[in-house]
C-alpha atoms as a PDB file:
ATOM      1  CA  UNK A   1      -4.723 -22.645 -24.299  1.00  0.00           C
ATOM      2  CA  UNK A   2      -1.141 -22.138 -25.434  1.00  0.00           C
ATOM      3  CA  UNK A   3       1.807 -22.003 -22.763  1.00  0.00           C
ATOM      4  CA  UNK A   4       2.416 -18.511 -23.740  1.00  0.00           C
ATOM      5  CA  UNK A   5      -0.962 -17.167 -22.833  1.00  0.00           C
ATOM      6  CA  UNK A   6      -0.792 -18.823 -19.663  1.00  0.00           C
ATOM      7  CA  UNK A   7       2.770 -17.283 -18.979  1.00  0.00           C
ATOM      8  CA  UNK A   8       0.839 -13.833 -19.565  1.00  0.00           C
ATOM      9  CA  UNK A   9      -1.737 -14.585 -17.181  1.00  0.00           C
ATOM     10  CA  UNK A  10       0.649 -15.421 -14.521  1.00  0.00           C
ATOM     11  CA  UNK A  11       2.600 -12.109 -15.389  1.00  0.00           C
ATOM     12  CA  UNK A  12      -0.423 -10.223 -15.022  1.00  0.00           C
ATOM     13  CA  UNK A  13      -1.437 -12.087 -11.837  1.00  0.00           C
ATOM     14  CA  UNK A  14       1.870 -11.138 -10.037  1.00  0.00           C
ATOM     15  CA  UNK A  15       1.707  -7.499 -11.325  1.00  0.00           C
ATOM     16  CA  UNK A  16      -1.836  -7.168  -9.728  1.00  0.00           C
ATOM     17  CA  UNK A  17      -0.633  -8.730  -6.262  1.00  0.00           C
ATOM     18  CA  UNK A  18       2.459  -6.223  -6.247  1.00  0.00           C
ATOM     19  CA  UNK A  19       0.188  -3.487  -7.116  1.00  0.00           C
ATOM     20  CA  UNK A  20      -2.057  -4.459  -3.982  1.00  0.00           C
ATOM     21  CA  UNK A  21       1.081  -4.587  -1.766  1.00  0.00           C
ATOM     22  CA  UNK A  22       1.902  -1.135  -2.835  1.00  0.00           C
ATOM     23  CA  UNK A  23      -1.449   0.337  -2.129  1.00  0.00           C
ATOM     24  CA  UNK A  24      -1.419  -1.720   1.374  1.00  0.00           C
ATOM     25  CA  UNK A  25       2.164  -0.061   2.035  1.00  0.00           C
ATOM     26  CA  UNK A  26       1.190   3.455   0.926  1.00  0.00           C
ATOM     27  CA  UNK A  27      -2.241   3.336   3.271  1.00  0.00           C
ATOM     28  CA  UNK A  28      -0.410   2.180   6.246  1.00  0.00           C
ATOM     29  CA  UNK A  29       2.468   4.877   5.615  1.00  0.00           C
ATOM     30  CA  UNK A  30      -0.450   7.697   5.306  1.00  0.00           C
ATOM     31  CA  UNK A  31      -1.997   6.140   8.797  1.00  0.00           C
ATOM     32  CA  UNK A  32       1.185   6.203  10.559  1.00  0.00           C
ATOM     33  CA  UNK A  33       1.606   9.896   8.836  1.00  0.00           C
ATOM     34  CA  UNK A  34      -1.651  11.023  10.334  1.00  0.00           C
ATOM     35  CA  UNK A  35      -1.106   9.309  13.833  1.00  0.00           C
ATOM     36  CA  UNK A  36       2.202  11.453  14.311  1.00  0.00           C
ATOM     37  CA  UNK A  37       0.377  14.316  13.117  1.00  0.00           C
ATOM     38  CA  UNK A  38      -2.255  13.832  15.701  1.00  0.00           C
ATOM     39  CA  UNK A  39       0.171  13.201  18.462  1.00  0.00           C
ATOM     40  CA  UNK A  40       2.128  16.620  17.257  1.00  0.00           C
ATOM     41  CA  UNK A  41      -1.058  18.569  17.518  1.00  0.00           C
ATOM     42  CA  UNK A  42      -2.216  16.885  20.835  1.00  0.00           C
ATOM     43  CA  UNK A  43       0.970  17.802  22.312  1.00  0.00           C
ATOM     44  CA  UNK A  44       0.453  21.294  21.251  1.00  0.00           C
ATOM     45  CA  UNK A  45      -2.731  21.671  22.831  1.00  0.00           C
ATOM     46  CA  UNK A  46      -1.627  20.184  26.068  1.00  0.00           C
ATOM     47  CA  UNK A  47       1.148  22.757  25.853  1.00  0.00           C
END
């Protein structure tokens, strides 16, 4: 294996990890948004 191909593999791996981190961050934001919406709806039903 040439050093250049190893470098490419490293680049692809770091990009994949960044992508997973971005997806996790997006899902976490959606979860928080859903919780906020549920709290607002529950508050309206209580009132």
